[in-house]
C-alpha atoms as a PDB file:
ATOM      1  CA  MET A   1      -0.003  -0.032   0.014  1.00  0.00           C
ATOM      2  CA  GLY A   2       2.731   2.485  -0.927  1.00  0.00           C
ATOM      3  CA  GLY A   3       4.584   2.229   2.349  1.00  0.00           C
ATOM      4  CA  MET A   4       1.466   3.176   4.263  1.00  0.00           C
ATOM      5  CA  ASN A   5       0.056   1.513   7.412  1.00  0.00           C
ATOM      6  CA  ASN A   6      -3.666   0.821   7.813  1.00  0.00           C
ATOM      7  CA  VAL A   7      -3.354  -0.341  11.355  1.00  0.00           C
ATOM      8  CA  GLN A   8      -1.094   2.324  12.784  1.00  0.00           C
ATOM      9  CA  PRO A   9      -1.240   5.139  10.276  1.00  0.00           C
ATOM     10  CA  GLU A  10       1.614   7.133  11.824  1.00  0.00           C
ATOM     11  CA  LYS A  11       4.025   4.182  11.529  1.00  0.00           C
ATOM     12  CA  THR A  12       4.613   4.074   7.754  1.00  0.00           C
ATOM     13  CA  LEU A  13       7.582   2.987   5.718  1.00  0.00           C
ATOM     14  CA  GLN A  14       8.303   6.625   4.807  1.00  0.00           C
ATOM     15  CA  LYS A  15      11.759   7.795   5.794  1.00  0.00           C
ATOM     16  CA  ALA A  16      10.582  10.306   8.403  1.00  0.00           C
ATOM     17  CA  ALA A  17       8.471   7.667  10.194  1.00  0.00           C
ATOM     18  CA  LEU A  18      11.314   5.147  10.127  1.00  0.00           C
ATOM     19  CA  GLU A  19      13.676   7.709  11.573  1.00  0.00           C
ATOM     20  CA  GLN A  20      11.178   8.532  14.306  1.00  0.00           C
ATOM     21  CA  TYR A  21       9.790   5.086  15.232  1.00  0.00           C
ATOM     22  CA  LEU A  22      12.568   2.577  14.237  1.00  0.00           C
ATOM     23  CA  ALA A  23      14.737   1.482  17.214  1.00  0.00           C
ATOM     24  CA  GLY A  24      18.355   2.123  16.307  1.00  0.00           C
ATOM     25  CA  GLY A  25      17.587   4.871  13.680  1.00  0.00           C
ATOM     26  CA  PHE A  26      17.116   4.701   9.982  1.00  0.00           C
ATOM     27  CA  SER A  27      19.433   1.979   8.718  1.00  0.00           C
ATOM     28  CA  VAL A  28      19.322  -1.378   6.952  1.00  0.00           C
ATOM     29  CA  ASP A  29      20.607  -3.080  10.137  1.00  0.00           C
ATOM     30  CA  SER A  30      17.701  -1.523  12.245  1.00  0.00           C
ATOM     31  CA  ILE A  31      15.122  -2.725   9.687  1.00  0.00           C
ATOM     32  CA  ILE A  32      16.646  -6.193   9.757  1.00  0.00           C
ATOM     33  CA  THR A  33      16.553  -6.227  13.559  1.00  0.00           C
ATOM     34  CA  GLN A  34      12.990  -5.074  13.622  1.00  0.00           C
ATOM     35  CA  ALA A  35      11.918  -7.580  11.026  1.00  0.00           C
ATOM     36  CA  SER A  36      13.795 -10.440  12.753  1.00  0.00           C
ATOM     37  CA  ASN A  37      12.223  -9.543  16.092  1.00  0.00           C
ATOM     38  CA  CYS A  38       8.777  -9.405  14.616  1.00  0.00           C
ATOM     39  CA  CYS A  39       9.177 -12.792  13.061  1.00  0.00           C
ATOM     40  CA  LYS A  40       9.801 -14.277  16.499  1.00  0.00           C
ATOM     41  CA  GLN A  41       6.567 -12.862  17.960  1.00  0.00           C
ATOM     42  CA  LEU A  42       3.624 -15.210  18.167  1.00  0.00           C
ATOM     43  CA  ALA A  43       1.231 -12.842  16.421  1.00  0.00           C
ATOM     44  CA  VAL A  44       3.358 -12.647  13.290  1.00  0.00           C
ATOM     45  CA  GLU A  45       4.412 -16.391  13.287  1.00  0.00           C
ATOM     46  CA  ASN A  46       0.832 -17.589  13.543  1.00  0.00           C
ATOM     47  CA  GLY A  47      -1.073 -14.653  12.193  1.00  0.00           C
ATOM     48  CA  LYS A  48      -3.532 -12.419  13.994  1.00  0.00           C
ATOM     49  CA  GLY A  49      -6.380 -10.281  12.703  1.00  0.00           C
ATOM     50  CA  ALA A  50      -5.482  -8.914   9.317  1.00  0.00           C
ATOM     51  CA  MET A  51      -1.833 -10.059   9.715  1.00  0.00           C
ATOM     52  CA  PRO A  52      -1.014 -13.355   7.859  1.00  0.00           C
ATOM     53  CA  ALA A  53       1.141 -16.001   9.350  1.00  0.00           C
ATOM     54  CA  TRP A  54       4.842 -15.700   8.413  1.00  0.00           C
ATOM     55  CA  GLU A  55       6.462 -18.431  10.417  1.00  0.00           C
ATOM     56  CA  GLY A  56       8.989 -20.302   8.224  1.00  0.00           C
ATOM     57  CA  ARG A  57       8.286 -18.066   5.145  1.00  0.00           C
ATOM     58  CA  LEU A  58      11.357 -15.798   5.273  1.00  0.00           C
ATOM     59  CA  ASP A  59      14.864 -16.888   6.058  1.00  0.00           C
ATOM     60  CA  SER A  60      17.614 -14.414   7.172  1.00  0.00           C
ATOM     61  CA  ASP A  61      18.762 -13.692   3.610  1.00  0.00           C
ATOM     62  CA  GLU A  62      15.139 -12.931   2.564  1.00  0.00           C
ATOM     63  CA  ILE A  63      14.685 -10.628   5.604  1.00  0.00           C
ATOM     64  CA  GLU A  64      17.920  -8.821   4.662  1.00  0.00           C
ATOM     65  CA  SER A  65      16.700  -8.399   1.024  1.00  0.00           C
ATOM     66  CA  VAL A  66      13.339  -7.030   2.221  1.00  0.00           C
ATOM     67  CA  ALA A  67      15.112  -4.654   4.572  1.00  0.00           C
ATOM     68  CA  GLU A  68      17.411  -3.348   1.841  1.00  0.00           C
ATOM     69  CA  TYR A  69      14.385  -2.758  -0.413  1.00  0.00           C
ATOM     70  CA  VAL A  70      12.515  -0.976   2.303  1.00  0.00           C
ATOM     71  CA  PHE A  71      15.586   1.247   3.052  1.00  0.00           C
ATOM     72  CA  LYS A  72      16.126   2.089  -0.682  1.00  0.00           C
ATOM     73  CA  GLN A  73      12.433   2.907  -1.260  1.00  0.00           C
ATOM     74  CA  ALA A  74      12.304   5.156   1.878  1.00  0.00           C
ATOM     75  CA  GLU A  75      15.685   6.755   1.186  1.00  0.00           C
ATOM     76  CA  GLY A  76      14.737   7.716  -2.292  1.00  0.00           C
ATOM     77  CA  ASN A  77      11.131   8.679  -1.431  1.00  0.00           C
ATOM     78  CA  LEU A  78       9.929   5.955  -3.885  1.00  0.00           C
ATOM     79  CA  TRP A  79       6.819   4.742  -2.129  1.00  0.00           C
END
């Protein structure tokens, strides 16, 4: 949805929001850490509400690729 967030509208994938809300600041490593931590949480592993289950779907290389994509999109304001 263009980097937007329907559940928590202020927490988008836009650079300004990532700088504000991402622990560790705006970096690929911070995005990887956030994604890795989320994948360990029960709601993400098994799905909850509108969130589909992701357990076993992404390995560490895939998480890194997604993080790099998110970073590049946000950095270049490409959403």
